[in-house]
Amino acid sequence: MTNNNIRALRREKEFLARRINSRLTPKEREELYMKWDVPLEGKQRKLQFVNKLWTDPYDSRHVQESAEIVA
């Protein structure tokens, strides 16, 4: 990956992390964090969560859940 691609991917992830607050209720966010093994008391939970999306392209369930969250 080139530096421009890496920067674009990082910006996309940061954008998605910011949108989590406006699109989900606190209870929905907490449920997603638990489902995706993100510590509830940790720092930068939104970025940790976003970084877990699309990590297993060979697991169709994981891909489907990632797509539903992004959509």
N, C-alpha and C. Protein backbone atom coordinates (compact mmCIF):
# COMPACT_ATOMS: atom_id res chain seq x y z
N MET A 1 0.82 -1.18 0.00
CA MET A 1 0.00 0.00 0.00
C MET A 1 0.87 1.24 0.00
N THR A 2 0.47 2.21 -0.78
CA THR A 2 1.22 3.46 -0.80
C THR A 2 0.80 4.32 0.39
N ASN A 3 1.59 5.34 0.65
CA ASN A 3 1.27 6.23 1.77
C ASN A 3 -0.07 6.90 1.59
N ASN A 4 -0.42 7.27 0.35
CA ASN A 4 -1.72 7.90 0.10
C ASN A 4 -2.85 6.95 0.41
N ASN A 5 -2.70 5.69 0.05
CA ASN A 5 -3.74 4.69 0.34
C ASN A 5 -3.89 4.47 1.83
N ILE A 6 -2.79 4.43 2.53
CA ILE A 6 -2.82 4.23 3.97
C ILE A 6 -3.50 5.42 4.65
N ARG A 7 -3.16 6.64 4.21
CA ARG A 7 -3.80 7.82 4.77
C ARG A 7 -5.29 7.84 4.49
N ALA A 8 -5.68 7.47 3.29
CA ALA A 8 -7.10 7.45 2.93
C ALA A 8 -7.85 6.43 3.76
N LEU A 9 -7.26 5.27 3.97
CA LEU A 9 -7.89 4.24 4.79
C LEU A 9 -8.03 4.71 6.24
N ARG A 10 -7.01 5.35 6.76
CA ARG A 10 -7.06 5.86 8.13
C ARG A 10 -8.16 6.93 8.26
N ARG A 11 -8.26 7.83 7.28
CA ARG A 11 -9.31 8.85 7.30
C ARG A 11 -10.70 8.22 7.24
N GLU A 12 -10.85 7.19 6.42
CA GLU A 12 -12.13 6.50 6.32
C GLU A 12 -12.51 5.86 7.65
N LYS A 13 -11.56 5.23 8.31
CA LYS A 13 -11.84 4.61 9.60
C LYS A 13 -12.18 5.66 10.66
N GLU A 14 -11.47 6.78 10.65
CA GLU A 14 -11.76 7.85 11.61
C GLU A 14 -13.15 8.44 11.36
N PHE A 15 -13.52 8.59 10.10
CA PHE A 15 -14.84 9.10 9.76
C PHE A 15 -15.92 8.15 10.28
N LEU A 16 -15.74 6.86 10.04
CA LEU A 16 -16.71 5.87 10.51
C LEU A 16 -16.79 5.88 12.03
N ALA A 17 -15.66 5.99 12.70
CA ALA A 17 -15.66 6.02 14.16
C ALA A 17 -16.44 7.23 14.68
N ARG A 18 -16.30 8.38 14.03
CA ARG A 18 -17.05 9.57 14.45
C ARG A 18 -18.55 9.39 14.22
N ARG A 19 -18.93 8.69 13.17
CA ARG A 19 -20.34 8.49 12.85
C ARG A 19 -21.02 7.52 13.81
N ILE A 20 -20.27 6.72 14.51
CA ILE A 20 -20.87 5.75 15.43
C ILE A 20 -21.69 6.47 16.49
N ASN A 21 -21.20 7.58 17.01
CA ASN A 21 -21.93 8.32 18.04
C ASN A 21 -23.25 8.85 17.53
N SER A 22 -23.28 9.32 16.30
CA SER A 22 -24.50 9.94 15.79
C SER A 22 -25.50 8.92 15.27
N ARG A 23 -25.06 7.73 14.95
CA ARG A 23 -25.95 6.72 14.35
C ARG A 23 -26.47 5.69 15.33
N LEU A 24 -25.77 5.51 16.45
CA LEU A 24 -26.14 4.46 17.39
C LEU A 24 -26.42 5.04 18.77
N THR A 25 -27.34 4.42 19.47
CA THR A 25 -27.60 4.82 20.85
C THR A 25 -26.47 4.27 21.73
N PRO A 26 -26.30 4.81 22.94
CA PRO A 26 -25.26 4.27 23.83
C PRO A 26 -25.43 2.77 24.08
N LYS A 27 -26.67 2.32 24.22
CA LYS A 27 -26.90 0.88 24.46
C LYS A 27 -26.49 0.05 23.24
N GLU A 28 -26.80 0.53 22.03
CA GLU A 28 -26.41 -0.18 20.81
C GLU A 28 -24.90 -0.24 20.67
N ARG A 29 -24.23 0.87 20.98
CA ARG A 29 -22.76 0.89 20.92
C ARG A 29 -22.18 -0.12 21.90
N GLU A 30 -22.70 -0.14 23.11
CA GLU A 30 -22.20 -1.06 24.13
C GLU A 30 -22.37 -2.51 23.68
N GLU A 31 -23.51 -2.82 23.09
CA GLU A 31 -23.75 -4.18 22.59
C GLU A 31 -22.78 -4.55 21.49
N LEU A 32 -22.51 -3.62 20.58
CA LEU A 32 -21.54 -3.89 19.51
C LEU A 32 -20.14 -4.09 20.08
N TYR A 33 -19.76 -3.26 21.04
CA TYR A 33 -18.43 -3.40 21.65
C TYR A 33 -18.28 -4.77 22.29
N MET A 34 -19.31 -5.22 23.00
CA MET A 34 -19.23 -6.54 23.64
C MET A 34 -19.16 -7.64 22.58
N LYS A 35 -19.95 -7.53 21.54
CA LYS A 35 -19.97 -8.54 20.49
C LYS A 35 -18.63 -8.63 19.77
N TRP A 36 -17.96 -7.50 19.58
CA TRP A 36 -16.71 -7.46 18.84
C TRP A 36 -15.49 -7.44 19.77
N ASP A 37 -15.68 -7.75 21.03
CA ASP A 37 -14.57 -7.85 22.02
C ASP A 37 -13.77 -6.56 22.15
N VAL A 38 -14.47 -5.44 22.28
CA VAL A 38 -13.82 -4.15 22.53
C VAL A 38 -14.09 -3.82 23.99
N PRO A 39 -13.05 -3.53 24.78
CA PRO A 39 -13.25 -3.24 26.20
C PRO A 39 -14.17 -2.03 26.40
N LEU A 40 -15.14 -2.18 27.29
CA LEU A 40 -16.10 -1.11 27.53
C LEU A 40 -15.48 0.08 28.24
N GLU A 41 -14.43 -0.16 29.01
CA GLU A 41 -13.81 0.93 29.75
C GLU A 41 -12.53 1.43 29.08
N GLY A 42 -12.18 0.89 27.94
CA GLY A 42 -10.94 1.27 27.26
C GLY A 42 -11.03 2.62 26.58
N LYS A 43 -9.88 3.14 26.25
CA LYS A 43 -9.82 4.40 25.52
C LYS A 43 -9.93 4.12 24.03
N GLN A 44 -10.43 5.08 23.31
CA GLN A 44 -10.58 5.00 21.86
C GLN A 44 -11.35 3.76 21.43
N ARG A 45 -12.42 3.48 22.13
CA ARG A 45 -13.24 2.30 21.83
C ARG A 45 -13.75 2.31 20.40
N LYS A 46 -14.16 3.48 19.93
CA LYS A 46 -14.72 3.56 18.58
C LYS A 46 -13.68 3.16 17.54
N LEU A 47 -12.46 3.64 17.68
CA LEU A 47 -11.41 3.28 16.73
C LEU A 47 -11.02 1.81 16.86
N GLN A 48 -10.99 1.30 18.07
CA GLN A 48 -10.70 -0.12 18.26
C GLN A 48 -11.75 -0.96 17.56
N PHE A 49 -13.01 -0.56 17.71
CA PHE A 49 -14.10 -1.28 17.07
C PHE A 49 -13.98 -1.23 15.55
N VAL A 50 -13.77 -0.04 15.00
CA VAL A 50 -13.67 0.12 13.55
C VAL A 50 -12.50 -0.68 13.00
N ASN A 51 -11.40 -0.74 13.74
CA ASN A 51 -10.24 -1.50 13.27
C ASN A 51 -10.49 -3.01 13.23
N LYS A 52 -11.50 -3.49 13.93
CA LYS A 52 -11.82 -4.91 13.92
C LYS A 52 -12.70 -5.30 12.73
N LEU A 53 -13.31 -4.30 12.08
CA LEU A 53 -14.14 -4.59 10.92
C LEU A 53 -13.26 -5.06 9.75
N TRP A 54 -13.77 -5.96 8.97
CA TRP A 54 -13.14 -6.46 7.75
C TRP A 54 -11.79 -7.14 8.01
N THR A 55 -11.57 -7.67 9.22
CA THR A 55 -10.27 -8.28 9.50
C THR A 55 -10.19 -9.73 9.05
N ASP A 56 -11.32 -10.38 8.76
CA ASP A 56 -11.30 -11.78 8.33
C ASP A 56 -12.11 -11.93 7.04
N PRO A 57 -11.48 -11.69 5.89
CA PRO A 57 -12.23 -11.73 4.62
C PRO A 57 -12.69 -13.13 4.21
N TYR A 58 -12.20 -14.16 4.88
CA TYR A 58 -12.58 -15.53 4.53
C TYR A 58 -13.75 -16.05 5.33
N ASP A 59 -14.17 -15.30 6.34
CA ASP A 59 -15.32 -15.67 7.17
C ASP A 59 -16.53 -14.90 6.66
N SER A 60 -17.45 -15.58 6.00
CA SER A 60 -18.58 -14.89 5.37
C SER A 60 -19.47 -14.20 6.42
N ARG A 61 -19.59 -14.78 7.59
CA ARG A 61 -20.39 -14.14 8.65
C ARG A 61 -19.76 -12.83 9.08
N HIS A 62 -18.45 -12.85 9.26
CA HIS A 62 -17.71 -11.64 9.66
C HIS A 62 -17.85 -10.55 8.58
N VAL A 63 -17.74 -10.93 7.33
CA VAL A 63 -17.87 -9.98 6.23
C VAL A 63 -19.28 -9.40 6.21
N GLN A 64 -20.28 -10.23 6.38
CA GLN A 64 -21.67 -9.77 6.38
C GLN A 64 -21.93 -8.79 7.52
N GLU A 65 -21.45 -9.12 8.72
CA GLU A 65 -21.66 -8.24 9.87
C GLU A 65 -20.92 -6.91 9.68
N SER A 66 -19.71 -6.97 9.13
CA SER A 66 -18.97 -5.73 8.86
C SER A 66 -19.72 -4.86 7.87
N ALA A 67 -20.24 -5.47 6.82
CA ALA A 67 -20.97 -4.72 5.80
C ALA A 67 -22.23 -4.09 6.38
N GLU A 68 -22.94 -4.80 7.24
CA GLU A 68 -24.15 -4.25 7.86
C GLU A 68 -23.83 -3.04 8.72
N ILE A 69 -22.73 -3.09 9.42
CA ILE A 69 -22.35 -1.98 10.30
C ILE A 69 -21.95 -0.77 9.46
N VAL A 70 -21.18 -0.99 8.42
CA VAL A 70 -20.73 0.12 7.58
C VAL A 70 -21.90 0.74 6.81
N ALA A 71 -22.82 -0.11 6.37
CA ALA A 71 -23.98 0.40 5.61
C ALA A 71 -24.87 1.15 6.54
